[in-house]
Amino acid sequence: MSLLRIEQLHKSFNQTEVLKGVDLAMQASDVVSIIGASGSGKTTLLRCVNLLETFHAGRVVIDGEEMGYQERNGKRVRLAERVIARQRAMTGMAFQQFNLFPHMSALKNVTLGLVKVKRMPRDEAIGVAEKWLRRVGLHDRRDHYPGQLSGGQQQRVAIARAIAMNPKLMLFDEVTSALDPELVNEVLNVIMDLAKDGMTMLLVTHEMKFAYEVSNRIVFMDQGRIAEEGAPKDLFHSPKSTRLAEFLKNSKF
């Protein structure tokens, strides 16, 4: 059974249809990178998967559970917010912006969700948080506040915070786009290590070389649809469509 199954997903903003019937499936330990031009629907797709956006038709199923909606008397009904909050915890998400609490140390940023959402005893939460901060190379910065950390360090704290919640699926949305070029690799190396450990990940990225190296599958989105998908070697070296060939040429892969 697929860990993630997206079926005929449609999403509109006012009169503009952003997702036009997206189908995608992932198995456990898959690393799938979504590439495509700005406005092709990549980020919106991720936000629908973890229910930060409503969607107007289709299904998102994670580990056999339909997310966000159910059929009642022939009508599609959004689930109660407490149910959605539980479902959302099945995914972790790292965003373009780090979204750390500026008044909390790195350690407290990571422990907050463990204590408040997972109801974990504080001592246990601190142990989990320290494990993941050590894993992303920031255990020695655990008492530093976001303002005392570089952008790359803040993003690594944000990744540790998401992964500490033990999600079934990790989502990454252009996590290097707000970083100075010299800080990009320290974040990408963390993601690469997680991939080697078998974490299931769905990434939106403009880092083509990284997508090629980290992914077992690449998805190319164009104008709200999946235009092409397959193994990195196939898509990058033998694109089937002119549109993908042009995109890769412009991305200087």
Protein backbone atom coordinates (compact mmCIF):
# COMPACT_ATOMS: atom_id res chain seq x y z
CA MET A 1 0.00 0.00 0.00
CA SER A 2 1.25 3.48 -0.86
CA LEU A 3 2.22 5.67 2.07
CA LEU A 4 0.93 8.71 0.16
CA ARG A 5 -1.74 8.62 -2.51
CA ILE A 6 -3.03 11.75 -4.25
CA GLU A 7 -5.96 11.23 -6.60
CA GLN A 8 -7.34 13.79 -9.03
CA LEU A 9 -6.56 16.75 -6.79
CA HIS A 10 -8.09 20.05 -7.83
CA LYS A 11 -7.47 23.41 -6.18
CA SER A 12 -8.55 26.90 -7.24
CA PHE A 13 -7.92 30.38 -5.92
CA ASN A 14 -11.01 32.39 -6.87
CA GLN A 15 -11.40 31.73 -10.62
CA THR A 16 -7.85 30.49 -11.14
CA GLU A 17 -7.41 26.72 -11.16
CA VAL A 18 -3.97 26.01 -9.70
CA LEU A 19 -4.10 22.21 -9.48
CA LYS A 20 -5.84 20.48 -12.37
CA GLY A 21 -6.25 16.84 -11.43
CA VAL A 22 -2.94 15.77 -9.86
CA ASP A 23 -2.27 12.07 -9.29
CA LEU A 24 0.78 10.98 -7.31
CA ALA A 25 1.74 7.96 -5.22
CA MET A 26 4.70 7.38 -2.90
CA GLN A 27 5.92 4.32 -1.07
CA ALA A 28 7.64 4.35 2.33
CA SER A 29 11.27 5.55 2.06
CA ASP A 30 10.65 7.22 -1.32
CA VAL A 31 12.31 10.57 -1.91
CA VAL A 32 10.36 12.45 -4.56
CA SER A 33 11.39 15.90 -5.78
CA ILE A 34 8.89 18.19 -7.49
CA ILE A 35 10.40 20.58 -10.01
CA GLY A 36 8.85 23.13 -12.32
CA ALA A 37 8.54 26.83 -13.05
CA SER A 38 7.14 29.32 -10.55
CA GLY A 39 3.35 29.19 -10.53
CA SER A 40 3.14 25.57 -11.68
CA GLY A 41 1.41 24.49 -8.44
CA LYS A 42 4.30 22.86 -6.57
CA THR A 43 3.94 24.61 -3.21
CA THR A 44 0.15 24.50 -3.36
CA LEU A 45 0.33 20.73 -3.79
CA LEU A 46 2.48 20.37 -0.66
CA ARG A 47 0.16 22.63 1.33
CA CYS A 48 -2.84 20.53 0.28
CA VAL A 49 -1.09 17.34 1.41
CA ASN A 50 -0.74 18.63 4.96
CA LEU A 51 -4.11 20.42 4.90
CA LEU A 52 -2.79 23.96 5.15
CA GLU A 53 -4.87 24.59 2.02
CA THR A 54 -8.38 23.36 1.34
CA PHE A 55 -8.87 21.57 -1.97
CA HIS A 56 -12.03 21.40 -4.00
CA ALA A 57 -11.98 17.89 -5.41
CA GLY A 58 -9.92 14.73 -5.20
CA ARG A 59 -8.37 12.81 -2.34
CA VAL A 60 -5.20 12.79 -0.27
CA VAL A 61 -4.61 9.50 1.55
CA ILE A 62 -1.72 8.99 3.99
CA ASP A 63 -1.04 5.52 5.35
CA GLY A 64 -4.56 4.43 4.40
CA GLU A 65 -6.35 7.38 6.03
CA GLU A 66 -8.17 9.96 3.90
CA MET A 67 -7.07 13.44 4.87
CA GLY A 68 -9.30 16.39 5.58
CA TYR A 69 -12.60 15.24 4.11
CA GLN A 70 -15.14 12.44 3.97
CA GLU A 71 -18.29 11.64 2.06
CA ARG A 72 -21.54 12.10 4.00
CA ASN A 73 -24.87 11.52 2.28
CA GLY A 74 -23.26 12.00 -1.09
CA LYS A 75 -21.62 15.29 -0.09
CA ARG A 76 -17.97 16.07 0.52
CA VAL A 77 -17.57 17.40 4.07
CA ARG A 78 -14.45 18.85 5.72
CA LEU A 79 -13.59 17.11 8.96
CA ALA A 80 -13.57 18.82 12.36
CA GLU A 81 -10.47 20.88 13.12
CA ARG A 82 -9.42 18.59 15.99
CA VAL A 83 -9.40 15.64 13.55
CA ILE A 84 -7.50 17.68 10.96
CA ALA A 85 -4.95 18.69 13.61
CA ARG A 86 -4.33 15.00 14.38
CA GLN A 87 -4.06 14.18 10.68
CA ARG A 88 -1.73 17.08 10.02
CA ALA A 89 0.67 15.65 12.61
CA MET A 90 1.18 12.69 10.25
CA THR A 91 3.29 15.05 8.15
CA GLY A 92 6.14 17.35 9.02
CA MET A 93 6.85 20.43 6.96
CA ALA A 94 9.84 22.72 6.56
CA PHE A 95 9.03 26.00 4.83
CA GLN A 96 10.93 28.60 2.80
CA GLN A 97 10.91 30.82 5.88
CA PHE A 98 12.05 29.22 9.11
CA ASN A 99 9.04 30.23 11.26
CA LEU A 100 10.94 29.82 14.51
CA PHE A 101 9.73 31.55 17.67
CA PRO A 102 12.27 34.36 18.15
CA HIS A 103 11.83 34.48 21.94
CA MET A 104 12.64 30.77 22.36
CA SER A 105 15.99 29.00 22.22
CA ALA A 106 16.66 26.37 19.57
CA LEU A 107 15.98 23.68 22.17
CA LYS A 108 12.67 25.20 23.23
CA ASN A 109 11.59 25.64 19.59
CA VAL A 110 12.03 21.90 19.09
CA THR A 111 10.50 20.79 22.39
CA LEU A 112 7.38 22.97 22.14
CA GLY A 113 5.39 20.71 19.83
CA LEU A 114 6.50 17.58 21.64
CA VAL A 115 5.12 18.91 24.92
CA LYS A 116 2.04 20.79 23.67
CA VAL A 117 0.90 18.49 20.86
CA LYS A 118 2.39 15.08 21.67
CA ARG A 119 1.87 15.59 25.44
CA MET A 120 5.35 14.24 26.02
CA PRO A 121 6.88 14.71 29.50
CA ARG A 122 9.28 17.66 29.41
CA ASP A 123 12.40 15.62 30.26
CA GLU A 124 11.61 13.13 27.50
CA ALA A 125 10.92 15.97 25.04
CA ILE A 126 14.28 17.55 25.85
CA GLY A 127 15.99 14.23 25.16
CA VAL A 128 14.28 13.90 21.77
CA ALA A 129 15.03 17.52 20.88
CA GLU A 130 18.68 17.20 21.82
CA LYS A 131 18.97 14.03 19.72
CA TRP A 132 17.69 15.81 16.62
CA LEU A 133 19.66 19.00 17.22
CA ARG A 134 22.76 16.83 17.48
CA ARG A 135 21.73 15.09 14.27
CA VAL A 136 21.53 18.38 12.35
CA GLY A 137 24.84 19.53 13.84
CA LEU A 138 23.46 22.11 16.26
CA HIS A 139 23.59 20.54 19.71
CA ASP A 140 26.20 23.11 20.75
CA ARG A 141 23.75 25.87 19.71
CA ARG A 142 20.76 24.48 21.60
CA ASP A 143 20.59 27.46 23.98
CA HIS A 144 20.97 30.07 21.23
CA TYR A 145 18.01 32.14 20.05
CA PRO A 146 17.10 32.39 16.35
CA GLY A 147 18.57 35.88 16.15
CA GLN A 148 21.93 34.44 17.22
CA LEU A 149 21.91 31.81 14.45
CA SER A 150 22.68 32.03 10.74
CA GLY A 151 19.93 31.40 8.22
CA GLY A 152 21.26 27.92 7.54
CA GLN A 153 21.33 27.14 11.24
CA GLN A 154 17.78 28.42 11.69
CA GLN A 155 16.59 26.21 8.84
CA ARG A 156 18.30 23.20 10.39
CA VAL A 157 16.53 23.92 13.69
CA ALA A 158 13.24 24.11 11.78
CA ILE A 159 13.96 20.74 10.18
CA ALA A 160 14.86 19.22 13.56
CA ARG A 161 11.61 20.61 15.00
CA ALA A 162 9.53 19.00 12.26
CA ILE A 163 11.29 15.63 12.34
CA ALA A 164 11.23 15.42 16.14
CA MET A 165 7.44 15.03 15.88
CA ASN A 166 8.06 11.67 14.15
CA PRO A 167 5.95 12.28 11.02
CA LYS A 168 5.18 9.53 8.55
CA LEU A 169 5.98 11.89 5.67
CA MET A 170 8.31 14.87 5.59
CA LEU A 171 7.55 17.80 3.27
CA PHE A 172 10.18 20.35 2.23
CA ASP A 173 9.12 23.52 0.43
CA GLU A 174 12.08 25.31 -1.20
CA VAL A 175 13.95 25.21 2.10
CA THR A 176 17.08 26.82 0.63
CA SER A 177 15.43 29.68 -1.28
CA ALA A 178 15.82 32.21 1.56
CA LEU A 179 19.46 31.31 2.26
CA ASP A 180 22.68 32.92 1.10
CA PRO A 181 24.42 30.65 -1.44
CA GLU A 182 27.21 29.65 0.95
CA LEU A 183 24.64 28.35 3.48
CA VAL A 184 22.67 26.18 1.07
CA ASN A 185 24.85 23.07 1.24
CA GLU A 186 24.66 22.73 5.03
CA VAL A 187 20.87 22.36 4.77
CA LEU A 188 20.96 20.10 1.71
CA ASN A 189 23.48 17.82 3.45
CA VAL A 190 21.06 17.33 6.35
CA ILE A 191 18.28 16.33 3.93
CA MET A 192 20.66 14.00 2.09
CA ASP A 193 21.53 12.26 5.37
CA LEU A 194 17.83 11.84 6.20
CA ALA A 195 17.25 10.29 2.78
CA LYS A 196 20.05 7.79 3.41
CA ASP A 197 18.27 6.82 6.64
CA GLY A 198 15.11 5.95 4.70
CA MET A 199 12.91 8.89 5.65
CA THR A 200 9.96 9.35 3.28
CA MET A 201 10.24 12.82 1.79
CA LEU A 202 8.40 14.96 -0.75
CA LEU A 203 10.44 18.01 -1.77
CA VAL A 204 9.81 21.11 -3.81
CA THR A 205 13.19 22.42 -4.91
CA HIS A 206 14.91 24.53 -7.53
CA GLU A 207 18.26 22.89 -6.74
CA MET A 208 18.41 20.60 -9.78
CA LYS A 209 21.71 18.89 -9.00
CA PHE A 210 20.51 18.13 -5.48
CA ALA A 211 17.15 16.81 -6.77
CA TYR A 212 19.03 14.54 -9.17
CA GLU A 213 21.25 13.16 -6.42
CA VAL A 214 18.79 12.77 -3.53
CA SER A 215 15.63 11.52 -5.29
CA ASN A 216 14.55 8.13 -6.48
CA ARG A 217 11.82 9.88 -8.51
CA ILE A 218 11.39 13.32 -10.06
CA VAL A 219 8.02 14.93 -10.77
CA PHE A 220 7.87 17.80 -13.28
CA MET A 221 4.84 20.04 -12.84
CA ASP A 222 3.63 22.42 -15.53
CA GLN A 223 0.54 24.64 -15.30
CA GLY A 224 -1.07 22.70 -12.47
CA ARG A 225 -0.51 19.22 -13.83
CA ILE A 226 2.17 16.55 -13.58
CA ALA A 227 3.60 16.74 -17.07
CA GLU A 228 6.28 14.11 -16.65
CA GLU A 229 7.68 11.87 -13.91
CA GLY A 230 10.25 9.14 -13.58
CA ALA A 231 13.74 8.26 -12.41
CA PRO A 232 16.14 11.21 -12.23
CA LYS A 233 18.40 9.76 -14.92
CA ASP A 234 15.48 9.40 -17.35
CA LEU A 235 13.97 12.83 -16.79
CA PHE A 236 17.19 14.83 -16.71
CA HIS A 237 19.00 13.10 -19.56
CA SER A 238 16.11 12.01 -21.78
CA PRO A 239 13.14 14.37 -21.27
CA LYS A 240 10.13 13.32 -23.33
CA SER A 241 8.55 16.77 -23.65
CA THR A 242 9.87 19.97 -25.17
CA ARG A 243 8.60 21.83 -22.12
CA LEU A 244 10.76 19.83 -19.70
CA ALA A 245 13.77 20.06 -22.01
CA GLU A 246 13.41 23.86 -22.05
CA PHE A 247 12.99 24.01 -18.28
CA LEU A 248 16.14 21.95 -17.68
CA LYS A 249 18.11 24.04 -20.17
CA ASN A 250 17.08 27.24 -18.41
CA SER A 251 17.87 25.74 -14.99
CA LYS A 252 21.45 25.11 -16.13
CA PHE A 253 21.48 21.52 -14.91
